C-alpha atoms as a PDB file:
ATOM      1  CA  MET A   1      26.355 -12.847 -35.382  1.00  0.00           C
ATOM      2  CA  PHE A   2      24.309 -16.260 -35.047  1.00  0.00           C
ATOM      3  CA  ASP A   3      27.685 -18.042 -34.177  1.00  0.00           C
ATOM      4  CA  TRP A   4      28.535 -15.387 -31.429  1.00  0.00           C
ATOM      5  CA  LEU A   5      25.131 -15.852 -30.198  1.00  0.00           C
ATOM      6  CA  TRP A   6      25.115 -19.486 -30.208  1.00  0.00           C
ATOM      7  CA  ALA A   7      28.851 -20.543 -29.293  1.00  0.00           C
ATOM      8  CA  PRO A   8      28.118 -20.306 -25.197  1.00  0.00           C
ATOM      9  CA  LEU A   9      25.066 -22.365 -25.708  1.00  0.00           C
ATOM     10  CA  GLN A  10      27.248 -25.357 -26.418  1.00  0.00           C
ATOM     11  CA  TYR A  11      27.651 -25.653 -22.699  1.00  0.00           C
ATOM     12  CA  SER A  12      24.905 -26.533 -20.265  1.00  0.00           C
ATOM     13  CA  PHE A  13      25.804 -24.471 -17.604  1.00  0.00           C
ATOM     14  CA  MET A  14      25.457 -21.683 -20.076  1.00  0.00           C
ATOM     15  CA  TRP A  15      21.657 -23.064 -20.533  1.00  0.00           C
ATOM     16  CA  ARG A  16      21.142 -23.380 -16.783  1.00  0.00           C
ATOM     17  CA  GLY A  17      22.467 -20.077 -16.568  1.00  0.00           C
ATOM     18  CA  LEU A  18      19.864 -18.397 -18.652  1.00  0.00           C
ATOM     19  CA  ILE A  19      17.349 -20.268 -17.281  1.00  0.00           C
ATOM     20  CA  ALA A  20      18.203 -19.059 -13.703  1.00  0.00           C
ATOM     21  CA  VAL A  21      18.387 -15.338 -15.406  1.00  0.00           C
ATOM     22  CA  VAL A  22      14.937 -15.474 -16.549  1.00  0.00           C
ATOM     23  CA  LEU A  23      13.523 -17.269 -13.396  1.00  0.00           C
ATOM     24  CA  MET A  24      15.275 -14.623 -11.222  1.00  0.00           C
ATOM     25  CA  GLY A  25      14.155 -11.866 -13.279  1.00  0.00           C
ATOM     26  CA  SER A  26      10.177 -12.667 -13.445  1.00  0.00           C
ATOM     27  CA  VAL A  27      10.243 -12.993  -9.720  1.00  0.00           C
ATOM     28  CA  CYS A  28      12.021 -10.318  -8.831  1.00  0.00           C
ATOM     29  CA  ALA A  29      10.460  -7.790 -11.252  1.00  0.00           C
ATOM     30  CA  VAL A  30       6.832  -8.765  -9.818  1.00  0.00           C
ATOM     31  CA  VAL A  31       7.854  -8.395  -6.164  1.00  0.00           C
ATOM     32  CA  GLY A  32      10.001  -5.422  -6.745  1.00  0.00           C
ATOM     33  CA  THR A  33       7.128  -3.703  -8.683  1.00  0.00           C
ATOM     34  CA  PHE A  34       5.165  -3.524  -5.201  1.00  0.00           C
ATOM     35  CA  VAL A  35       8.646  -2.778  -3.442  1.00  0.00           C
ATOM     36  CA  VAL A  36       9.349   0.529  -5.587  1.00  0.00           C
ATOM     37  CA  LEU A  37       5.467   1.523  -5.255  1.00  0.00           C
ATOM     38  CA  ARG A  38       5.567   1.361  -1.562  1.00  0.00           C
ATOM     39  CA  GLY A  39       8.957   2.726  -1.370  1.00  0.00           C
ATOM     40  CA  MET A  40      10.539  -0.128   0.260  1.00  0.00           C
ATOM     41  CA  ALA A  41      13.868  -0.210  -1.194  1.00  0.00           C
ATOM     42  CA  PHE A  42      15.782   0.028   2.071  1.00  0.00           C
ATOM     43  CA  PHE A  43      13.686  -2.700   3.176  1.00  0.00           C
ATOM     44  CA  GLY A  44      14.714  -4.817   0.326  1.00  0.00           C
ATOM     45  CA  ASP A  45      18.261  -3.998   0.663  1.00  0.00           C
ATOM     46  CA  ALA A  46      18.609  -4.810   4.163  1.00  0.00           C
ATOM     47  CA  LEU A  47      16.761  -8.257   3.751  1.00  0.00           C
ATOM     48  CA  ALA A  48      19.274  -8.818   0.976  1.00  0.00           C
ATOM     49  CA  HIS A  49      22.078  -8.535   3.520  1.00  0.00           C
ATOM     50  CA  THR A  50      20.573 -10.239   6.406  1.00  0.00           C
ATOM     51  CA  ILE A  51      20.625 -13.663   4.905  1.00  0.00           C
ATOM     52  CA  LEU A  52      24.257 -13.732   5.179  1.00  0.00           C
ATOM     53  CA  PRO A  53      24.843 -15.234   8.812  1.00  0.00           C
ATOM     54  CA  GLY A  54      22.186 -17.794   7.288  1.00  0.00           C
ATOM     55  CA  VAL A  55      24.675 -18.891   4.697  1.00  0.00           C
ATOM     56  CA  ALA A  56      27.531 -18.602   6.922  1.00  0.00           C
ATOM     57  CA  MET A  57      25.725 -20.992   9.717  1.00  0.00           C
ATOM     58  CA  GLY A  58      24.576 -23.619   7.269  1.00  0.00           C
ATOM     59  CA  TYR A  59      27.994 -23.683   5.799  1.00  0.00           C
ATOM     60  CA  LEU A  60      29.762 -24.466   9.102  1.00  0.00           C
ATOM     61  CA  LEU A  61      27.074 -26.949  10.357  1.00  0.00           C
ATOM     62  CA  ASN A  62      27.144 -28.669   6.984  1.00  0.00           C
ATOM     63  CA  GLY A  63      31.082 -28.890   7.258  1.00  0.00           C
ATOM     64  CA  GLY A  64      31.805 -26.864   4.068  1.00  0.00           C
ATOM     65  CA  ASN A  65      28.912 -28.382   2.235  1.00  0.00           C
ATOM     66  CA  THR A  66      27.169 -26.111   0.239  1.00  0.00           C
ATOM     67  CA  ASN A  67      24.103 -28.022  -0.916  1.00  0.00           C
ATOM     68  CA  GLY A  68      21.805 -26.899   2.233  1.00  0.00           C
ATOM     69  CA  LEU A  69      22.660 -23.096   1.881  1.00  0.00           C
ATOM     70  CA  PHE A  70      19.242 -21.944   0.419  1.00  0.00           C
ATOM     71  CA  TRP A  71      17.418 -23.232   2.964  1.00  0.00           C
ATOM     72  CA  TRP A  72      19.261 -21.439   5.706  1.00  0.00           C
ATOM     73  CA  ALA A  73      19.312 -18.577   3.770  1.00  0.00           C
ATOM     74  CA  LEU A  74      15.732 -18.629   3.440  1.00  0.00           C
ATOM     75  CA  GLY A  75      15.332 -19.272   7.344  1.00  0.00           C
ATOM     76  CA  ALA A  76      17.552 -16.103   7.691  1.00  0.00           C
ATOM     77  CA  ALA A  77      15.141 -14.131   5.807  1.00  0.00           C
ATOM     78  CA  VAL A  78      11.945 -14.843   6.961  1.00  0.00           C
ATOM     79  CA  LEU A  79      13.299 -14.454  10.595  1.00  0.00           C
ATOM     80  CA  SER A  80      14.691 -10.933   9.655  1.00  0.00           C
ATOM     81  CA  ALA A  81      11.476 -10.007   7.974  1.00  0.00           C
ATOM     82  CA  ILE A  82       9.320 -11.043  11.205  1.00  0.00           C
ATOM     83  CA  GLY A  83      11.967  -8.989  13.458  1.00  0.00           C
ATOM     84  CA  ILE A  84      11.774  -5.759  12.132  1.00  0.00           C
ATOM     85  CA  GLY A  85       7.783  -6.405  11.721  1.00  0.00           C
ATOM     86  CA  ALA A  86       7.783  -7.115  15.260  1.00  0.00           C
ATOM     87  CA  ILE A  87       9.968  -4.189  16.432  1.00  0.00           C
ATOM     88  CA  SER A  88       8.164  -1.674  14.870  1.00  0.00           C
ATOM     89  CA  HIS A  89       4.761  -2.717  15.527  1.00  0.00           C
ATOM     90  CA  GLY A  90       3.196  -1.255  18.391  1.00  0.00           C
ATOM     91  CA  SER A  91       6.431   0.361  19.668  1.00  0.00           C
ATOM     92  CA  ARG A  92       8.031   4.045  19.395  1.00  0.00           C
ATOM     93  CA  ILE A  93      10.648   2.347  17.034  1.00  0.00           C
ATOM     94  CA  LYS A  94      10.058   3.281  13.442  1.00  0.00           C
ATOM     95  CA  GLU A  95      10.025   1.359  10.647  1.00  0.00           C
ATOM     96  CA  ASP A  96      13.171   2.381   9.054  1.00  0.00           C
ATOM     97  CA  THR A  97      14.930   2.496  12.408  1.00  0.00           C
ATOM     98  CA  ALA A  98      14.093  -1.260  12.973  1.00  0.00           C
ATOM     99  CA  ILE A  99      15.084  -1.886   9.302  1.00  0.00           C
ATOM    100  CA  GLY A 100      18.603  -0.456  10.521  1.00  0.00           C
ATOM    101  CA  ILE A 101      19.219  -2.383  13.545  1.00  0.00           C
ATOM    102  CA  VAL A 102      18.095  -5.746  12.315  1.00  0.00           C
ATOM    103  CA  PHE A 103      20.358  -5.120   8.796  1.00  0.00           C
ATOM    104  CA  ALA A 104      23.600  -3.668  10.866  1.00  0.00           C
ATOM    105  CA  GLY A 105      22.979  -7.042  13.625  1.00  0.00           C
ATOM    106  CA  MET A 106      22.413  -9.610  10.968  1.00  0.00           C
ATOM    107  CA  PHE A 107      25.231  -8.687   8.562  1.00  0.00           C
ATOM    108  CA  ALA A 108      27.878  -8.024  11.358  1.00  0.00           C
ATOM    109  CA  LEU A 109      27.051 -11.424  12.532  1.00  0.00           C
ATOM    110  CA  GLY A 110      27.422 -12.635   8.796  1.00  0.00           C
ATOM    111  CA  ILE A 111      30.473 -11.486   8.887  1.00  0.00           C
ATOM    112  CA  THR A 112      31.858 -12.970  12.293  1.00  0.00           C
ATOM    113  CA  LEU A 113      30.754 -16.287  11.437  1.00  0.00           C
ATOM    114  CA  ILE A 114      32.392 -16.004   7.718  1.00  0.00           C
ATOM    115  CA  SER A 115      35.759 -14.935   9.312  1.00  0.00           C
ATOM    116  CA  THR A 116      36.070 -18.012  11.225  1.00  0.00           C
ATOM    117  CA  VAL A 117      35.798 -19.794   7.948  1.00  0.00           C
ATOM    118  CA  ARG A 118      39.465 -20.446   6.488  1.00  0.00           C
ATOM    119  CA  SER A 119      38.601 -20.462   3.530  1.00  0.00           C
ATOM    120  CA  TYR A 120      35.524 -18.437   2.974  1.00  0.00           C
ATOM    121  CA  SER A 121      37.354 -16.288   0.417  1.00  0.00           C
ATOM    122  CA  VAL A 122      37.203 -19.382  -1.802  1.00  0.00           C
ATOM    123  CA  ASP A 123      33.872 -20.960  -0.700  1.00  0.00           C
ATOM    124  CA  LEU A 124      31.960 -18.038   0.019  1.00  0.00           C
ATOM    125  CA  THR A 125      32.869 -15.218  -2.157  1.00  0.00           C
ATOM    126  CA  HIS A 126      30.361 -16.867  -5.020  1.00  0.00           C
ATOM    127  CA  PHE A 127      27.272 -15.883  -2.324  1.00  0.00           C
ATOM    128  CA  LEU A 128      28.113 -12.672  -2.125  1.00  0.00           C
ATOM    129  CA  PHE A 129      28.962 -11.240  -5.778  1.00  0.00           C
ATOM    130  CA  GLY A 130      26.769 -14.257  -7.683  1.00  0.00           C
ATOM    131  CA  ASP A 131      27.952 -17.615  -9.621  1.00  0.00           C
ATOM    132  CA  VAL A 132      25.134 -17.951 -12.117  1.00  0.00           C
ATOM    133  CA  LEU A 133      27.521 -20.315 -14.316  1.00  0.00           C
ATOM    134  CA  GLY A 134      27.688 -22.126 -11.396  1.00  0.00           C
ATOM    135  CA  VAL A 135      23.933 -23.044 -11.038  1.00  0.00           C
ATOM    136  CA  ARG A 136      22.856 -26.627 -10.680  1.00  0.00           C
ATOM    137  CA  ASN A 137      20.204 -28.777 -11.804  1.00  0.00           C
ATOM    138  CA  ARG A 138      18.744 -28.905  -8.092  1.00  0.00           C
ATOM    139  CA  ASP A 139      19.098 -25.019  -7.852  1.00  0.00           C
ATOM    140  CA  LEU A 140      16.967 -24.709 -10.824  1.00  0.00           C
ATOM    141  CA  TRP A 141      14.152 -26.959  -9.369  1.00  0.00           C
ATOM    142  CA  LEU A 142      14.066 -25.026  -5.956  1.00  0.00           C
ATOM    143  CA  SER A 143      13.988 -21.811  -7.701  1.00  0.00           C
ATOM    144  CA  ALA A 144      11.342 -23.028 -10.285  1.00  0.00           C
ATOM    145  CA  ILE A 145       9.424 -24.091  -6.956  1.00  0.00           C
ATOM    146  CA  PHE A 146       9.534 -21.086  -5.056  1.00  0.00           C
ATOM    147  CA  GLY A 147       9.084 -18.957  -7.624  1.00  0.00           C
ATOM    148  CA  ALA A 148       5.954 -20.440  -9.138  1.00  0.00           C
ATOM    149  CA  VAL A 149       4.844 -19.963  -5.140  1.00  0.00           C
ATOM    150  CA  VAL A 150       5.946 -16.290  -5.232  1.00  0.00           C
ATOM    151  CA  LEU A 151       4.074 -15.826  -8.599  1.00  0.00           C
ATOM    152  CA  ALA A 152       0.869 -17.523  -7.538  1.00  0.00           C
ATOM    153  CA  ALA A 153       0.530 -15.653  -4.305  1.00  0.00           C
ATOM    154  CA  VAL A 154       0.770 -12.287  -6.054  1.00  0.00           C
ATOM    155  CA  ILE A 155      -1.622 -13.222  -8.556  1.00  0.00           C
ATOM    156  CA  GLY A 156      -4.051 -14.452  -5.508  1.00  0.00           C
ATOM    157  CA  PHE A 157      -3.826 -11.313  -3.446  1.00  0.00           C
ATOM    158  CA  TYR A 158      -3.221  -8.639  -6.318  1.00  0.00           C
ATOM    159  CA  LYS A 159      -6.225  -6.613  -5.826  1.00  0.00           C
ATOM    160  CA  GLU A 160      -5.379  -6.715  -1.868  1.00  0.00           C
ATOM    161  CA  PHE A 161      -1.459  -5.696  -2.452  1.00  0.00           C
ATOM    162  CA  VAL A 162      -2.575  -2.614  -5.284  1.00  0.00           C
ATOM    163  CA  THR A 163      -5.166  -1.500  -2.496  1.00  0.00           C
ATOM    164  CA  LEU A 164      -2.226  -1.819   0.166  1.00  0.00           C
ATOM    165  CA  SER A 165       0.262  -0.048  -2.247  1.00  0.00           C
ATOM    166  CA  PHE A 166      -1.475   2.913  -3.857  1.00  0.00           C
ATOM    167  CA  ASP A 167      -4.063   3.812  -0.385  1.00  0.00           C
ATOM    168  CA  PRO A 168      -3.068   2.249   2.870  1.00  0.00           C
ATOM    169  CA  ILE A 169      -6.008   4.296   4.346  1.00  0.00           C
ATOM    170  CA  LEU A 170      -8.870   2.632   2.094  1.00  0.00           C
ATOM    171  CA  ALA A 171      -7.077  -0.937   2.593  1.00  0.00           C
ATOM    172  CA  SER A 172      -7.696  -0.137   6.387  1.00  0.00           C
ATOM    173  CA  THR A 173     -11.093   1.029   5.949  1.00  0.00           C
ATOM    174  CA  LEU A 174     -11.828  -1.949   3.824  1.00  0.00           C
ATOM    175  CA  ARG A 175     -10.964  -3.739   6.884  1.00  0.00           C
ATOM    176  CA  LEU A 176      -8.115  -5.775   5.182  1.00  0.00           C
ATOM    177  CA  PRO A 177      -5.736  -7.435   7.268  1.00  0.00           C
ATOM    178  CA  VAL A 178      -2.969  -4.521   6.405  1.00  0.00           C
ATOM    179  CA  ARG A 179      -0.590  -6.401   9.119  1.00  0.00           C
ATOM    180  CA  ILE A 180      -1.059  -9.690   7.995  1.00  0.00           C
ATOM    181  CA  LEU A 181      -0.445  -8.505   4.175  1.00  0.00           C
ATOM    182  CA  ASN A 182       2.542  -6.431   5.299  1.00  0.00           C
ATOM    183  CA  TYR A 183       4.141  -9.327   7.042  1.00  0.00           C
ATOM    184  CA  PHE A 184       3.124 -11.627   3.599  1.00  0.00           C
ATOM    185  CA  LEU A 185       4.601  -9.108   1.011  1.00  0.00           C
ATOM    186  CA  MET A 186       8.057  -9.345   3.474  1.00  0.00           C
ATOM    187  CA  LEU A 187       7.841 -13.269   3.495  1.00  0.00           C
ATOM    188  CA  LEU A 188       7.603 -12.913  -0.736  1.00  0.00           C
ATOM    189  CA  MET A 189      10.461 -10.705  -0.509  1.00  0.00           C
ATOM    190  CA  ALA A 190      12.383 -12.899   1.404  1.00  0.00           C
ATOM    191  CA  LEU A 191      11.582 -15.804  -1.326  1.00  0.00           C
ATOM    192  CA  ALA A 192      12.527 -13.680  -4.230  1.00  0.00           C
ATOM    193  CA  ILE A 193      15.801 -13.193  -2.422  1.00  0.00           C
ATOM    194  CA  VAL A 194      16.708 -16.386  -2.035  1.00  0.00           C
ATOM    195  CA  ILE A 195      15.914 -17.645  -5.209  1.00  0.00           C
ATOM    196  CA  SER A 196      18.402 -14.834  -6.697  1.00  0.00           C
ATOM    197  CA  LEU A 197      20.880 -15.506  -3.924  1.00  0.00           C
ATOM    198  CA  GLN A 198      23.395 -17.278  -6.129  1.00  0.00           C
ATOM    199  CA  THR A 199      22.656 -15.563  -9.498  1.00  0.00           C
ATOM    200  CA  VAL A 200      23.642 -11.945  -8.714  1.00  0.00           C
ATOM    201  CA  GLY A 201      24.958 -12.991  -4.926  1.00  0.00           C
ATOM    202  CA  VAL A 202      23.962 -10.849  -1.687  1.00  0.00           C
ATOM    203  CA  ALA A 203      25.918  -7.515  -2.279  1.00  0.00           C
ATOM    204  CA  LEU A 204      24.156  -7.010  -5.742  1.00  0.00           C
ATOM    205  CA  MET A 205      20.552  -8.587  -4.950  1.00  0.00           C
ATOM    206  CA  VAL A 206      18.775  -5.498  -4.086  1.00  0.00           C
ATOM    207  CA  ALA A 207      19.332  -3.886  -7.571  1.00  0.00           C
ATOM    208  CA  MET A 208      17.424  -6.888  -9.383  1.00  0.00           C
ATOM    209  CA  LEU A 209      14.745  -6.153  -6.975  1.00  0.00           C
ATOM    210  CA  ILE A 210      14.585  -2.397  -7.667  1.00  0.00           C
ATOM    211  CA  THR A 211      16.377  -1.440 -10.833  1.00  0.00           C
ATOM    212  CA  PRO A 212      14.082  -2.937 -13.457  1.00  0.00           C
ATOM    213  CA  ALA A 213      10.699  -2.070 -11.409  1.00  0.00           C
ATOM    214  CA  ALA A 214      11.846   1.292 -11.602  1.00  0.00           C
ATOM    215  CA  THR A 215      12.717   1.383 -14.963  1.00  0.00           C
ATOM    216  CA  ALA A 216       9.219   0.095 -15.830  1.00  0.00           C
ATOM    217  CA  TYR A 217       7.633   2.596 -13.458  1.00  0.00           C
ATOM    218  CA  LEU A 218       9.234   5.467 -15.501  1.00  0.00           C
ATOM    219  CA  LEU A 219       7.997   3.630 -19.093  1.00  0.00           C
ATOM    220  CA  THR A 220       4.442   3.128 -18.045  1.00  0.00           C
ATOM    221  CA  PRO A 221       1.564   4.464 -15.308  1.00  0.00           C
ATOM    222  CA  ARG A 222      -0.362   0.853 -15.692  1.00  0.00           C
ATOM    223  CA  LEU A 223       0.387  -1.342 -13.057  1.00  0.00           C
ATOM    224  CA  PRO A 224      -0.235  -4.522 -14.962  1.00  0.00           C
ATOM    225  CA  ARG A 225       1.954  -3.266 -17.711  1.00  0.00           C
ATOM    226  CA  MET A 226       4.528  -2.270 -15.430  1.00  0.00           C
ATOM    227  CA  ILE A 227       5.104  -5.518 -14.188  1.00  0.00           C
ATOM    228  CA  TRP A 228       5.210  -7.306 -17.597  1.00  0.00           C
ATOM    229  CA  VAL A 229       8.162  -4.406 -18.963  1.00  0.00           C
ATOM    230  CA  ALA A 230       9.629  -4.738 -15.333  1.00  0.00           C
ATOM    231  CA  ALA A 231      10.092  -8.575 -16.079  1.00  0.00           C
ATOM    232  CA  LEU A 232      11.435  -8.253 -19.396  1.00  0.00           C
ATOM    233  CA  ILE A 233      13.818  -5.931 -18.482  1.00  0.00           C
ATOM    234  CA  ALA A 234      15.199  -8.123 -15.715  1.00  0.00           C
ATOM    235  CA  SER A 235      15.294 -11.174 -17.777  1.00  0.00           C
ATOM    236  CA  PHE A 236      17.239  -9.231 -20.416  1.00  0.00           C
ATOM    237  CA  SER A 237      19.795  -7.871 -18.502  1.00  0.00           C
ATOM    238  CA  GLY A 238      20.081 -11.120 -17.298  1.00  0.00           C
ATOM    239  CA  GLY A 239      20.791 -12.791 -20.591  1.00  0.00           C
ATOM    240  CA  VAL A 240      22.963 -10.022 -21.881  1.00  0.00           C
ATOM    241  CA  GLY A 241      24.987  -9.610 -18.659  1.00  0.00           C
ATOM    242  CA  LEU A 242      25.846 -13.526 -19.022  1.00  0.00           C
ATOM    243  CA  TYR A 243      27.034 -12.929 -22.218  1.00  0.00           C
ATOM    244  CA  LEU A 244      29.195 -10.745 -21.500  1.00  0.00           C
ATOM    245  CA  SER A 245      30.560 -12.321 -18.683  1.00  0.00           C
ATOM    246  CA  TYR A 246      31.289 -15.013 -20.870  1.00  0.00           C
ATOM    247  CA  TYR A 247      33.090 -13.210 -23.369  1.00  0.00           C
ATOM    248  CA  LEU A 248      34.868 -10.559 -21.526  1.00  0.00           C
ATOM    249  CA  GLY A 249      35.723 -12.914 -18.357  1.00  0.00           C
ATOM    250  CA  ILE A 250      34.008 -10.581 -15.756  1.00  0.00           C
ATOM    251  CA  ALA A 251      31.615 -11.391 -12.790  1.00  0.00           C
ATOM    252  CA  SER A 252      28.474 -12.488 -13.935  1.00  0.00           C
ATOM    253  CA  GLY A 253      26.273 -10.835 -11.161  1.00  0.00           C
ATOM    254  CA  GLY A 254      28.264  -7.383 -11.741  1.00  0.00           C
ATOM    255  CA  ALA A 255      27.557  -7.601 -15.550  1.00  0.00           C
ATOM    256  CA  ILE A 256      23.989  -8.498 -14.991  1.00  0.00           C
ATOM    257  CA  VAL A 257      23.273  -5.532 -12.570  1.00  0.00           C
ATOM    258  CA  LEU A 258      25.503  -3.018 -14.811  1.00  0.00           C
ATOM    259  CA  VAL A 259      23.283  -3.658 -17.623  1.00  0.00           C
ATOM    260  CA  ALA A 260      19.940  -2.941 -15.641  1.00  0.00           C
ATOM    261  CA  THR A 261      21.474  -0.061 -14.541  1.00  0.00           C
ATOM    262  CA  SER A 262      22.267   0.886 -17.838  1.00  0.00           C
ATOM    263  CA  ILE A 263      18.885   0.417 -19.385  1.00  0.00           C
ATOM    264  CA  PHE A 264      17.405   2.735 -16.132  1.00  0.00           C
ATOM    265  CA  PHE A 265      19.882   5.497 -17.072  1.00  0.00           C
ATOM    266  CA  LEU A 266      19.385   5.471 -20.774  1.00  0.00           C
ATOM    267  CA  VAL A 267      15.282   5.486 -20.051  1.00  0.00           C
ATOM    268  CA  TRP A 268      15.606   8.056 -17.666  1.00  0.00           C
ATOM    269  CA  LEU A 269      17.863  10.395 -20.068  1.00  0.00           C
ATOM    270  CA  GLY A 270      15.208   9.607 -22.363  1.00  0.00           C
ATOM    271  CA  GLN A 271      12.361  10.931 -20.209  1.00  0.00           C
ATOM    272  CA  ALA A 272      14.214  13.992 -19.003  1.00  0.00           C
ATOM    273  CA  THR A 273      14.886  14.592 -22.752  1.00  0.00           C
ATOM    274  CA  LYS A 274      11.346  14.335 -23.448  1.00  0.00           C
ATOM    275  CA  ARG A 275      10.054  16.876 -20.977  1.00  0.00           C
ATOM    276  CA  ARG A 276      12.634  19.412 -21.869  1.00  0.00           C
ATOM    277  CA  LEU A 277      11.591  19.092 -25.498  1.00  0.00           C
ATOM    278  CA  GLN A 278       7.711  19.243 -24.347  1.00  0.00           C
ATOM    279  CA  ALA A 279       8.769  22.350 -21.764  1.00  0.00           C
ATOM    280  CA  ARG A 280      10.255  23.980 -24.704  1.00  0.00           C
ATOM    281  CA  THR A 281       7.478  23.396 -27.224  1.00  0.00           C
ATOM    282  CA  GLU A 282       4.855  24.885 -24.473  1.00  0.00           C
ATOM    283  CA  ASP A 283       6.981  27.932 -24.059  1.00  0.00           C
ATOM    284  CA  LYS A 284       6.708  29.029 -27.836  1.00  0.00           C
ATOM    285  CA  PRO A 285       4.162  31.570 -28.799  1.00  0.00           C
ATOM    286  CA  ALA A 286       1.187  30.374 -30.810  1.00  0.00           C
END
């Protein structure tokens, strides 16, 4: 068992991959907790896909060099978040409609741009489906820096985010800057998504933002504990998925998401079974 665990760690790319999935899991779990509480899963999915034109544009303008794609993806995510908020605020267009419009338009733009690159199937596929084993030291530093920024922002505005998540009316009554806080949370989501871009890819990003937090939501009613449990589940899923991809020769992003999804269904089935047993116990005559 020890040899099975140690053998992959003889390679530096596995160490970088493990560090990357722990960073990705922690950041996504913290932000994803508020996404789940506020019912913003569709927004997270849309935002993950809207970074595609940024990736494609950066690739084209840099002559096929992938070094600067992080910043292009971040710019596209931030612009999309601002665009969704601007369209839905102060107009007859509801937020879910604005999300659908921006999501479809940006994703179509990304596909169009990618289709102009002859070798896109080789060069850009890992941005769609993840390539955690290809993470470089530079990528780790960027993820660590921006991940620390996201976590520090959540800690600094924790009370405001909690109030906004559980009671938006109370937040308005307390004269909290609700609109600014909404934009700020969108920005943090954009950062979390871009940090996880190379780990699980555009297509699977929303799973790591939502699934660990949803699993933790089933396990505990307390928000601080929910955040910690979500972070542990995401990091554990990342580590196990990485080992599975190494030994089975499968896509790392898909393996990570499948592990997280399996954990969710195990917890969900356990909770459902527990409820049935409690119902049967209550129905029995004294």
